[in-house]
Amino acid sequence: MTTPSTSPTSLDPEVRPNGSEAPRRRPTRTILAVIGAAAVVGIALGAAIGPQHQTVSASTAGDAGLADRIRSLPGSLDSFRSLSVAEIGPDGAVFAGLGDADPGAPGAPTADTVFELGSITKTFTGALFAEAIERGEVSADDALAEHLPELEGTPAGDVTLASLSQHTSGLPGLGATAADAAVTGVLLNENPYATTTTEQLIADAAVAPVDPDQGSLYSNFAVSLLGTALVEAADAGDYATLLEERITGPLGMDDTVVAATADEVPADAVPGFLINGVRAPRWSGEGYLPAGSSTFTTAADLALWAQANLDGTAPGAAALEPTAPMGEGTEIGWGWITSPSFSGEGLQTWHNGGTAGFRTMLTLDREAGTAFLALSNTAAPADYIAMSYASGAPIPAVDAPTATVAWGVFGLALLLGLIVLLRSFRVKALLPSVSDLIWATFGLLLLWHSGPWFAVGGWLWGLALAPALAAIGVLVLRASRTPLPFLPRRRAWLWWPVAVIGAALAVGVTFLW
């Protein structure tokens, strides 16, 4: 029997049977096929199920001229999914919808499409405050404890109703319960307001710190306490009832509701989305209703609100008048903010809003008797649409630091994938490759959450996925020809902590969804 002069063809022919080193061989056709297939499958999977590049599609509803004006604004509509906008003037409102609001029901939003409103709700609460003053139910200088006696003897009980509306009370932005839930809400993509009932809101106020030197600090907590006090002063039962009786009912805003519980969320409300295209959680919760935690409305209803404030027929229209400074060149009334116009001419009276997956903007030119509103169901600021519409300034692109980080995350994910692929050709045991794959998974999860989805689609995620898929294919081929041990002969102790750290990071990133 003769001994073959060469070893059988192998994916990893580093050592000949006699122990001498052999020159490295070029990848075989099988390996090239595996890499090619992995690239195709990875990119296809990324495009099909990966993060989405959100931008306004060609779908249009309502006034074509207004839609064209929005589409022709300088800058980019990237990061927006759909927009519901309206021009309001003395002769009424003109509406337009752009983009596909709901992937499950393609089509542009109409004037009656339901969006989450966010903090524009504070203008309702401000109007209720002005109305309650006119009715003699409260005074601007009343201490909070006069209407919420549970707070008697506490620092929060001593603050005035006016200071609550002006964001100068010294209270923090959120009560303790909501502040704790806000952290987990961001990490787990959950509703941070669900656990704060009206009773819990008052309990949080009873132990809340008050800093008299704090100055102006935007506070959902303060406005929610104001709204709760107004409900008690009017003996209305709850905020939803007071809002319907004094604002939405008289103005015919029939599609505007507040959701104290998840069951009260309108079934036809469009979904909201995070920047990466993941659906945002619905916000509901009783305690923060006066601040806008879970208000739902339409462009048509919000236009009624704008028109009534412009012509003075809105209940509590005195809320529009500034009562205190709020930063340089800016003043605040009861909820409404007044500042220089985006156009640079005159003043605008406005408020914006935001929830997990929605951004909104309403701005009034009281002198001209006109208004503009924009509702969006992504986290891209609707303020930019109003600003560009009024001034002609470009809609700002994603800022350079954010873009740099996002593309850097893609580079990291791709690098981790390439490392596991290159090492798979020469690895002698499975544990190092398992560790490499865990780290590649971490990179892919981080990319899913924080990649450049403001500019590209999920195919880029698939491109980063492809090397890891190819590495798995190479390892399967190698194991099918020459079984690989699980533990390496040397430094096995090193790979266990490396794998554990990578797994911990991967699990941690998953919470960011």
Protein backbone atom coordinates (compact mmCIF):
# COMPACT_ATOMS: atom_id res chain seq x y z
CA MET A 1 0.00 0.00 0.00
CA THR A 2 1.33 3.38 -0.92
CA THR A 3 0.78 6.60 1.04
CA PRO A 4 -0.87 9.42 -0.90
CA SER A 5 1.45 12.32 -1.52
CA THR A 6 -1.25 14.87 -0.62
CA SER A 7 -4.05 14.94 1.90
CA PRO A 8 -7.63 14.70 0.71
CA THR A 9 -9.25 17.97 -0.35
CA SER A 10 -10.27 19.90 2.77
CA LEU A 11 -11.79 23.24 3.65
CA ASP A 12 -8.95 23.84 6.08
CA PRO A 13 -5.80 22.13 4.68
CA GLU A 14 -3.34 23.75 7.06
CA VAL A 15 -1.39 20.65 8.02
CA ARG A 16 -0.36 17.64 5.95
CA PRO A 17 -0.56 14.15 7.45
CA ASN A 18 3.19 14.22 8.04
CA GLY A 19 2.86 17.41 10.05
CA SER A 20 4.41 19.77 7.50
CA GLU A 21 2.61 22.99 6.67
CA ALA A 22 0.74 23.17 3.39
CA PRO A 23 0.12 26.34 1.45
CA ARG A 24 -3.31 27.84 1.90
CA ARG A 25 -5.75 26.96 -0.82
CA ARG A 26 -8.11 29.32 -2.48
CA PRO A 27 -11.77 29.03 -1.46
CA THR A 28 -13.48 26.20 -3.24
CA ARG A 29 -16.47 26.66 -5.47
CA THR A 30 -18.64 25.33 -2.66
CA ILE A 31 -17.48 28.04 -0.28
CA LEU A 32 -17.99 30.73 -2.92
CA ALA A 33 -21.48 29.38 -3.51
CA VAL A 34 -22.20 29.50 0.22
CA ILE A 35 -21.00 33.10 0.48
CA GLY A 36 -23.00 34.12 -2.59
CA ALA A 37 -26.14 32.41 -1.33
CA ALA A 38 -25.71 34.03 2.09
CA ALA A 39 -25.44 37.46 0.49
CA VAL A 40 -28.60 36.95 -1.54
CA VAL A 41 -30.58 35.49 1.36
CA GLY A 42 -29.34 38.11 3.84
CA ILE A 43 -30.16 41.09 1.64
CA ALA A 44 -33.53 39.59 0.68
CA LEU A 45 -34.42 38.96 4.32
CA GLY A 46 -33.34 42.47 5.29
CA ALA A 47 -35.42 44.03 2.54
CA ALA A 48 -38.45 41.88 3.44
CA ILE A 49 -38.49 41.98 7.24
CA GLY A 50 -35.71 44.35 8.31
CA PRO A 51 -35.94 47.94 9.51
CA GLN A 52 -37.77 50.31 7.19
CA HIS A 53 -36.62 53.45 5.46
CA GLN A 54 -39.60 55.62 6.19
CA THR A 55 -40.42 58.29 3.68
CA VAL A 56 -43.63 59.79 2.33
CA SER A 57 -44.97 57.76 -0.59
CA ALA A 58 -46.82 59.11 -3.61
CA SER A 59 -50.26 58.43 -2.08
CA THR A 60 -52.27 61.65 -1.81
CA ALA A 61 -55.69 62.62 -0.46
CA GLY A 62 -57.53 65.92 -0.21
CA ASP A 63 -56.39 69.12 -1.88
CA ALA A 64 -53.81 68.38 -4.58
CA GLY A 65 -52.40 71.89 -4.52
CA LEU A 66 -51.65 71.79 -0.80
CA ALA A 67 -50.18 68.30 -1.14
CA ASP A 68 -47.92 69.53 -3.94
CA ARG A 69 -46.77 72.47 -1.82
CA ILE A 70 -45.79 70.13 0.98
CA ARG A 71 -43.99 67.74 -1.37
CA SER A 72 -42.08 70.64 -2.92
CA LEU A 73 -40.77 71.96 0.40
CA PRO A 74 -36.98 72.15 0.39
CA GLY A 75 -35.18 69.38 2.20
CA SER A 76 -36.31 65.78 2.51
CA LEU A 77 -39.43 64.01 3.76
CA ASP A 78 -37.30 61.06 4.84
CA SER A 79 -38.16 59.76 8.34
CA PHE A 80 -41.80 60.73 7.85
CA ARG A 81 -44.31 58.03 6.85
CA SER A 82 -47.49 60.01 6.36
CA LEU A 83 -48.64 63.57 6.95
CA SER A 84 -52.07 65.06 7.51
CA VAL A 85 -51.89 68.84 7.05
CA ALA A 86 -54.29 71.75 6.88
CA GLU A 87 -54.29 75.44 6.04
CA ILE A 88 -56.88 77.34 8.05
CA GLY A 89 -58.11 80.82 7.15
CA PRO A 90 -61.15 83.08 7.50
CA ASP A 91 -62.93 81.10 4.77
CA GLY A 92 -62.37 77.69 6.32
CA ALA A 93 -59.80 74.92 6.10
CA VAL A 94 -58.05 73.12 3.24
CA PHE A 95 -56.78 69.60 3.95
CA ALA A 96 -54.26 67.27 2.37
CA GLY A 97 -52.91 63.83 3.22
CA LEU A 98 -49.60 62.45 1.98
CA GLY A 99 -48.08 58.99 2.22
CA ASP A 100 -49.39 55.64 3.43
CA ALA A 101 -50.35 55.96 7.08
CA ASP A 102 -51.04 52.28 7.77
CA PRO A 103 -49.19 49.42 6.04
CA GLY A 104 -52.24 47.24 6.64
CA ALA A 105 -54.51 49.65 4.76
CA PRO A 106 -52.49 51.57 2.16
CA GLY A 107 -53.67 55.05 1.34
CA ALA A 108 -53.06 58.64 2.35
CA PRO A 109 -54.73 60.01 5.49
CA THR A 110 -57.84 62.10 5.07
CA ALA A 111 -59.09 64.96 7.21
CA ASP A 112 -60.92 62.35 9.31
CA THR A 113 -57.98 60.00 9.90
CA VAL A 114 -57.30 59.59 13.63
CA PHE A 115 -53.83 60.45 14.94
CA GLU A 116 -52.40 60.70 18.44
CA LEU A 117 -52.23 64.38 19.39
CA GLY A 118 -49.73 64.58 22.24
CA SER A 119 -49.08 67.83 24.09
CA ILE A 120 -51.27 70.08 21.95
CA THR A 121 -53.79 68.76 24.49
CA LYS A 122 -52.25 71.28 26.90
CA THR A 123 -54.03 74.02 24.93
CA PHE A 124 -57.32 72.30 25.81
CA THR A 125 -56.34 72.24 29.48
CA GLY A 126 -55.28 75.88 29.26
CA ALA A 127 -58.64 76.79 27.76
CA LEU A 128 -60.43 74.87 30.51
CA PHE A 129 -58.39 76.90 33.01
CA ALA A 130 -59.38 80.20 31.37
CA GLU A 131 -63.01 79.04 31.24
CA ALA A 132 -62.96 78.04 34.92
CA ILE A 133 -61.59 81.48 35.83
CA GLU A 134 -64.39 83.14 33.84
CA ARG A 135 -66.97 80.94 35.62
CA GLY A 136 -65.53 81.86 39.01
CA GLU A 137 -64.66 78.25 39.81
CA VAL A 138 -60.99 79.02 40.34
CA SER A 139 -58.58 81.93 40.48
CA ALA A 140 -55.20 82.02 38.79
CA ASP A 141 -53.52 82.61 42.15
CA ASP A 142 -55.29 79.77 43.96
CA ALA A 143 -53.00 77.30 45.68
CA LEU A 144 -53.28 73.79 44.32
CA ALA A 145 -54.33 72.43 47.72
CA GLU A 146 -57.48 74.60 47.61
CA HIS A 147 -58.82 72.22 44.96
CA LEU A 148 -56.88 69.07 45.83
CA PRO A 149 -57.09 69.00 49.64
CA GLU A 150 -55.03 65.79 49.71
CA LEU A 151 -52.03 68.05 49.11
CA GLU A 152 -52.64 70.32 52.08
CA GLY A 153 -49.38 70.90 53.94
CA THR A 154 -47.15 69.67 51.11
CA PRO A 155 -44.82 71.80 48.94
CA ALA A 156 -46.87 70.90 45.85
CA GLY A 157 -50.04 72.04 47.59
CA ASP A 158 -48.66 75.55 47.90
CA VAL A 159 -47.93 76.17 44.22
CA THR A 160 -50.41 78.30 42.29
CA LEU A 161 -52.62 77.13 39.45
CA ALA A 162 -51.09 79.81 37.22
CA SER A 163 -47.59 78.47 37.79
CA LEU A 164 -48.74 74.98 36.82
CA SER A 165 -49.97 76.24 33.47
CA GLN A 166 -46.88 78.40 32.91
CA HIS A 167 -44.40 75.58 33.75
CA THR A 168 -42.92 77.69 36.57
CA SER A 169 -44.22 75.75 39.59
CA GLY A 170 -40.86 74.22 40.54
CA LEU A 171 -42.27 70.71 40.15
CA PRO A 172 -40.33 68.12 38.14
CA GLY A 173 -41.32 67.19 34.62
CA LEU A 174 -42.86 63.87 35.70
CA GLY A 175 -44.10 62.42 38.94
CA ALA A 176 -42.14 59.56 40.48
CA THR A 177 -44.35 56.78 39.12
CA ALA A 178 -44.24 58.03 35.53
CA ALA A 179 -40.55 58.90 35.79
CA ASP A 180 -39.73 55.33 36.81
CA ALA A 181 -41.94 53.92 34.06
CA ALA A 182 -40.40 56.26 31.47
CA VAL A 183 -37.03 54.51 31.76
CA THR A 184 -38.46 51.04 31.21
CA GLY A 185 -40.84 52.46 28.62
CA VAL A 186 -37.94 53.59 26.45
CA LEU A 187 -35.98 50.37 26.98
CA LEU A 188 -38.91 48.01 26.44
CA ASN A 189 -40.91 50.12 23.96
CA GLU A 190 -43.86 50.30 26.35
CA ASN A 191 -46.40 52.87 27.53
CA PRO A 192 -44.93 54.86 30.44
CA TYR A 193 -48.22 56.40 31.56
CA ALA A 194 -50.40 53.32 32.05
CA THR A 195 -49.61 52.92 35.76
CA THR A 196 -50.41 56.49 36.82
CA THR A 197 -54.04 56.82 37.85
CA THR A 198 -55.43 60.13 39.07
CA GLU A 199 -55.03 58.90 42.64
CA GLN A 200 -51.41 57.96 41.97
CA LEU A 201 -50.76 61.32 40.35
CA ILE A 202 -51.92 63.07 43.54
CA ALA A 203 -49.91 60.65 45.69
CA ASP A 204 -46.81 61.43 43.64
CA ALA A 205 -47.48 65.15 44.09
CA ALA A 206 -47.71 64.73 47.85
CA VAL A 207 -44.06 63.63 48.01
CA ALA A 208 -42.73 65.60 45.04
CA PRO A 209 -39.93 68.14 45.52
CA VAL A 210 -40.61 71.75 44.62
CA ASP A 211 -37.69 73.96 43.65
CA PRO A 212 -38.70 77.65 43.77
CA ASP A 213 -35.50 78.62 41.94
CA GLN A 214 -36.02 76.17 39.10
CA GLY A 215 -37.43 78.73 36.71
CA SER A 216 -39.24 77.58 33.59
CA LEU A 217 -39.25 73.79 33.23
CA TYR A 218 -41.68 72.07 30.89
CA SER A 219 -43.73 69.77 33.11
CA ASN A 220 -46.32 67.19 32.15
CA PHE A 221 -46.70 66.60 35.87
CA ALA A 222 -47.69 70.21 36.57
CA VAL A 223 -50.26 70.46 33.77
CA SER A 224 -51.79 67.12 34.75
CA LEU A 225 -52.23 68.37 38.31
CA LEU A 226 -53.81 71.57 36.95
CA GLY A 227 -56.29 69.54 34.88
CA THR A 228 -57.10 67.35 37.88
CA ALA A 229 -57.75 70.45 40.01
CA LEU A 230 -60.06 71.87 37.32
CA VAL A 231 -62.05 68.63 37.27
CA GLU A 232 -62.53 68.90 41.04
CA ALA A 233 -63.43 72.57 40.85
CA ALA A 234 -66.09 71.87 38.22
CA ASP A 235 -67.26 68.67 39.96
CA ALA A 236 -67.06 67.04 36.53
CA GLY A 237 -66.05 63.56 37.60
CA ASP A 238 -63.13 63.10 35.24
CA TYR A 239 -61.08 64.96 32.64
CA ALA A 240 -62.77 63.28 29.66
CA THR A 241 -66.17 64.50 30.84
CA LEU A 242 -64.97 68.06 31.46
CA LEU A 243 -63.27 68.21 28.05
CA GLU A 244 -66.36 66.96 26.23
CA GLU A 245 -68.75 69.24 28.11
CA ARG A 246 -66.81 72.47 27.66
CA ILE A 247 -64.66 72.16 24.50
CA THR A 248 -65.06 69.22 22.14
CA GLY A 249 -68.86 68.98 22.49
CA PRO A 250 -69.68 72.66 21.92
CA LEU A 251 -67.23 72.88 18.98
CA GLY A 252 -68.42 69.65 17.33
CA MET A 253 -65.05 67.96 17.71
CA ASP A 254 -66.69 64.54 17.77
CA ASP A 255 -63.58 62.57 16.83
CA THR A 256 -61.43 63.95 19.65
CA VAL A 257 -61.22 61.61 22.63
CA VAL A 258 -58.89 60.90 25.54
CA ALA A 259 -58.08 57.29 26.41
CA ALA A 260 -57.76 56.57 30.11
CA THR A 261 -57.43 52.86 29.32
CA ALA A 262 -56.26 50.84 26.33
CA ASP A 263 -59.88 49.84 25.64
CA GLU A 264 -60.75 53.49 25.00
CA VAL A 265 -58.20 53.93 22.19
CA PRO A 266 -60.13 54.48 18.93
CA ALA A 267 -60.05 51.33 16.85
CA ASP A 268 -59.51 53.30 13.65
CA ALA A 269 -56.49 55.29 14.85
CA VAL A 270 -53.50 54.83 12.56
CA PRO A 271 -50.40 53.18 14.05
CA GLY A 272 -47.35 55.17 15.04
CA PHE A 273 -43.78 54.18 14.23
CA LEU A 274 -40.30 54.59 15.64
CA ILE A 275 -37.49 55.80 13.39
CA ASN A 276 -36.55 52.22 12.42
CA GLY A 277 -40.11 51.39 11.35
CA VAL A 278 -40.97 49.36 14.45
CA ARG A 279 -44.50 50.04 15.65
CA ALA A 280 -44.61 52.32 18.65
CA PRO A 281 -46.75 51.45 21.68
CA ARG A 282 -50.10 53.12 22.18
CA TRP A 283 -50.14 55.50 25.10
CA SER A 284 -53.09 55.48 27.47
CA GLY A 285 -53.45 56.32 31.14
CA GLU A 286 -55.74 58.34 33.34
CA GLY A 287 -53.37 60.49 35.39
CA TYR A 288 -51.64 62.39 32.59
CA LEU A 289 -54.64 62.92 30.31
CA PRO A 290 -54.62 66.74 30.85
CA ALA A 291 -51.02 66.88 29.59
CA GLY A 292 -51.73 64.87 26.41
CA SER A 293 -50.58 61.38 27.30
CA SER A 294 -53.31 59.80 25.18
CA THR A 295 -55.45 62.18 23.15
CA PHE A 296 -56.72 61.12 19.73
CA THR A 297 -57.99 63.54 17.10
CA THR A 298 -58.22 64.31 13.39
CA ALA A 299 -57.04 67.15 11.20
CA ALA A 300 -60.67 68.18 10.76
CA ASP A 301 -61.26 68.43 14.51
CA LEU A 302 -57.98 70.23 15.15
CA ALA A 303 -58.85 72.71 12.39
CA LEU A 304 -62.14 73.45 14.21
CA TRP A 305 -60.10 74.16 17.34
CA ALA A 306 -57.73 76.44 15.44
CA GLN A 307 -60.55 78.31 13.71
CA ALA A 308 -62.45 78.86 16.95
CA ASN A 309 -59.35 80.29 18.63
CA LEU A 310 -58.66 82.58 15.69
CA ASP A 311 -62.18 84.02 15.60
CA GLY A 312 -62.59 84.17 19.39
CA THR A 313 -65.45 81.65 19.64
CA ALA A 314 -63.40 78.96 21.39
CA PRO A 315 -64.31 78.34 25.04
CA GLY A 316 -61.51 79.76 27.16
CA ALA A 317 -60.00 81.76 24.27
CA ALA A 318 -58.36 84.03 26.85
CA ALA A 319 -55.80 81.23 27.30
CA LEU A 320 -54.09 82.54 24.16
CA GLU A 321 -52.92 85.74 25.87
CA PRO A 322 -49.34 85.58 27.23
CA THR A 323 -49.09 85.77 31.01
CA ALA A 324 -45.41 84.99 31.71
CA PRO A 325 -42.01 84.84 29.98
CA MET A 326 -40.76 81.45 28.79
CA GLY A 327 -37.21 81.97 27.62
CA GLU A 328 -35.74 84.65 25.41
CA GLY A 329 -38.30 86.13 23.05
CA THR A 330 -40.95 83.61 24.09
CA GLU A 331 -44.01 83.96 26.32
CA ILE A 332 -46.65 81.57 27.54
CA GLY A 333 -50.33 82.01 28.32
CA TRP A 334 -52.50 79.26 29.73
CA GLY A 335 -50.87 76.47 27.72
CA TRP A 336 -50.39 78.40 24.47
CA ILE A 337 -46.84 79.58 23.61
CA THR A 338 -46.16 82.84 21.75
CA SER A 339 -42.86 83.43 19.94
CA PRO A 340 -41.49 85.02 16.75
CA SER A 341 -43.00 83.53 13.64
CA PHE A 342 -41.08 80.94 11.61
CA SER A 343 -41.32 83.40 8.72
CA GLY A 344 -39.56 86.09 10.74
CA GLU A 345 -42.53 88.43 10.46
CA GLY A 346 -44.74 88.97 13.47
CA LEU A 347 -45.62 86.41 16.12
CA GLN A 348 -47.03 82.92 16.16
CA THR A 349 -49.08 81.29 18.92
CA TRP A 350 -48.51 77.58 18.96
CA HIS A 351 -48.02 74.24 20.61
CA ASN A 352 -46.53 71.00 19.40
CA GLY A 353 -46.94 67.44 20.60
CA GLY A 354 -45.34 64.04 20.61
CA THR A 355 -46.04 60.51 21.76
CA ALA A 356 -44.00 57.37 21.17
CA GLY A 357 -44.75 57.21 17.45
CA PHE A 358 -46.42 60.54 16.58
CA ARG A 359 -45.41 64.20 16.24
CA THR A 360 -47.85 67.09 15.80
CA MET A 361 -47.79 70.86 15.34
CA LEU A 362 -50.41 73.61 15.41
CA THR A 363 -49.45 77.25 14.86
CA LEU A 364 -51.72 80.31 14.70
CA ASP A 365 -51.07 83.70 13.14
CA ARG A 366 -53.63 85.63 15.14
CA GLU A 367 -53.03 88.92 13.32
CA ALA A 368 -53.58 87.38 9.88
CA GLY A 369 -56.34 85.06 11.08
CA THR A 370 -54.62 81.98 9.65
CA ALA A 371 -53.26 78.72 11.02
CA PHE A 372 -51.38 75.65 9.90
CA LEU A 373 -51.34 72.15 11.37
CA ALA A 374 -49.36 69.01 10.67
CA LEU A 375 -49.91 65.51 12.06
CA SER A 376 -47.31 62.78 11.54
CA ASN A 377 -47.23 59.13 12.60
CA THR A 378 -43.49 58.79 13.06
CA ALA A 379 -41.02 60.28 15.52
CA ALA A 380 -39.77 62.84 12.96
CA PRO A 381 -40.72 66.35 14.21
CA ALA A 382 -43.78 67.81 12.52
CA ASP A 383 -42.44 71.21 13.60
CA TYR A 384 -40.08 70.99 10.61
CA ILE A 385 -43.01 70.79 8.19
CA ALA A 386 -44.63 73.89 9.68
CA MET A 387 -41.31 75.75 9.79
CA SER A 388 -40.51 75.01 6.15
CA TYR A 389 -44.08 75.78 5.06
CA ALA A 390 -43.94 79.21 6.73
CA SER A 391 -40.39 80.27 5.95
CA GLY A 392 -39.18 78.26 2.97
CA ALA A 393 -36.25 76.98 5.02
CA PRO A 394 -35.19 73.42 4.21
CA ILE A 395 -36.57 70.62 6.34
CA PRO A 396 -33.49 69.77 8.41
CA ALA A 397 -31.71 66.53 7.68
CA VAL A 398 -30.67 64.22 10.49
CA ASP A 399 -27.89 66.01 12.36
CA ALA A 400 -24.30 65.00 11.65
CA PRO A 401 -23.57 63.36 15.03
CA THR A 402 -26.67 61.16 14.78
CA ALA A 403 -25.84 60.19 11.20
CA THR A 404 -22.23 59.43 12.14
CA VAL A 405 -23.30 57.17 15.00
CA ALA A 406 -25.88 55.39 12.84
CA TRP A 407 -23.42 54.65 10.04
CA GLY A 408 -20.81 53.71 12.64
CA VAL A 409 -23.21 51.14 14.06
CA PHE A 410 -23.56 49.66 10.55
CA GLY A 411 -19.78 49.50 10.25
CA LEU A 412 -19.54 47.73 13.61
CA ALA A 413 -22.21 45.18 12.69
CA LEU A 414 -20.55 44.47 9.34
CA LEU A 415 -17.12 44.15 10.96
CA LEU A 416 -18.38 41.65 13.54
CA GLY A 417 -19.95 39.62 10.75
CA LEU A 418 -16.77 39.63 8.69
CA ILE A 419 -14.73 38.56 11.71
CA VAL A 420 -16.87 35.48 12.30
CA LEU A 421 -16.73 34.63 8.59
CA LEU A 422 -12.95 34.95 8.27
CA ARG A 423 -12.33 33.01 11.47
CA SER A 424 -14.69 30.24 10.39
CA PHE A 425 -12.19 29.17 7.69
CA ARG A 426 -9.48 28.36 10.22
CA VAL A 427 -11.13 27.76 13.58
CA LYS A 428 -10.30 24.38 15.18
CA ALA A 429 -13.23 24.23 17.63
CA LEU A 430 -16.82 25.38 17.80
CA LEU A 431 -16.77 27.50 20.97
CA PRO A 432 -14.78 30.39 19.42
CA SER A 433 -17.15 30.48 16.45
CA VAL A 434 -20.18 30.35 18.74
CA SER A 435 -18.72 33.32 20.62
CA ASP A 436 -18.09 35.17 17.36
CA LEU A 437 -21.67 34.51 16.23
CA ILE A 438 -23.04 35.82 19.52
CA TRP A 439 -21.10 39.05 19.04
CA ALA A 440 -22.30 39.28 15.44
CA THR A 441 -25.86 38.91 16.75
CA PHE A 442 -25.23 41.79 19.15
CA GLY A 443 -24.07 43.94 16.24
CA LEU A 444 -27.12 43.07 14.17
CA LEU A 445 -29.52 43.86 17.02
CA LEU A 446 -27.80 47.17 17.67
CA LEU A 447 -27.98 47.99 13.97
CA TRP A 448 -31.70 47.15 13.91
CA HIS A 449 -32.33 49.67 16.65
CA SER A 450 -29.86 52.44 15.81
CA GLY A 451 -28.91 52.15 12.15
CA PRO A 452 -29.23 54.79 9.41
CA TRP A 453 -32.86 54.03 8.65
CA PHE A 454 -33.49 57.71 8.01
CA ALA A 455 -31.63 57.20 4.72
CA VAL A 456 -31.75 53.53 3.70
CA GLY A 457 -33.92 50.46 4.07
CA GLY A 458 -33.59 47.03 5.60
CA TRP A 459 -31.45 45.68 2.75
CA LEU A 460 -28.50 47.32 4.51
CA TRP A 461 -29.26 45.28 7.61
CA GLY A 462 -29.31 42.21 5.37
CA LEU A 463 -25.89 43.15 4.03
CA ALA A 464 -24.53 43.06 7.58
CA LEU A 465 -26.35 39.78 8.19
CA ALA A 466 -24.83 38.06 5.14
CA PRO A 467 -21.30 37.39 6.56
CA ALA A 468 -22.76 35.72 9.65
CA LEU A 469 -25.00 33.54 7.50
CA ALA A 470 -22.03 32.61 5.32
CA ALA A 471 -19.98 31.74 8.42
CA ILE A 472 -22.69 29.38 9.58
CA GLY A 473 -22.68 27.73 6.16
CA VAL A 474 -18.89 27.33 6.21
CA LEU A 475 -18.98 25.83 9.70
CA VAL A 476 -21.66 23.35 8.64
CA LEU A 477 -19.58 22.32 5.62
CA ARG A 478 -16.46 21.89 7.71
CA ALA A 479 -18.24 19.91 10.40
CA SER A 480 -19.77 17.63 7.78
CA ARG A 481 -16.30 16.69 6.50
CA THR A 482 -14.25 16.79 9.66
CA PRO A 483 -16.09 16.92 12.99
CA LEU A 484 -14.95 19.87 15.10
CA PRO A 485 -14.59 19.61 18.87
CA PHE A 486 -16.60 22.08 20.91
CA LEU A 487 -13.75 23.23 23.13
CA PRO A 488 -10.45 24.49 21.72
CA ARG A 489 -7.25 22.83 22.91
CA ARG A 490 -5.86 26.09 24.22
CA ARG A 491 -7.40 29.01 26.09
CA ALA A 492 -10.83 27.46 26.39
CA TRP A 493 -11.23 29.52 29.57
CA LEU A 494 -11.04 32.73 27.53
CA TRP A 495 -13.92 32.02 25.17
CA TRP A 496 -16.53 31.41 27.87
CA PRO A 497 -16.49 34.96 29.31
CA VAL A 498 -16.23 36.43 25.81
CA ALA A 499 -19.38 34.54 24.81
CA VAL A 500 -21.21 35.48 28.01
CA ILE A 501 -20.39 39.19 27.63
CA GLY A 502 -21.59 39.13 24.02
CA ALA A 503 -24.82 37.39 25.04
CA ALA A 504 -25.42 39.95 27.79
CA LEU A 505 -24.98 42.79 25.31
CA ALA A 506 -27.30 41.13 22.81
CA VAL A 507 -30.01 40.70 25.44
CA GLY A 508 -29.51 44.29 26.57
CA VAL A 509 -29.93 45.65 23.05
CA THR A 510 -33.11 43.62 22.62
CA PHE A 511 -34.65 45.69 25.42
CA LEU A 512 -34.16 48.81 23.26
CA TRP A 513 -36.89 47.58 20.93
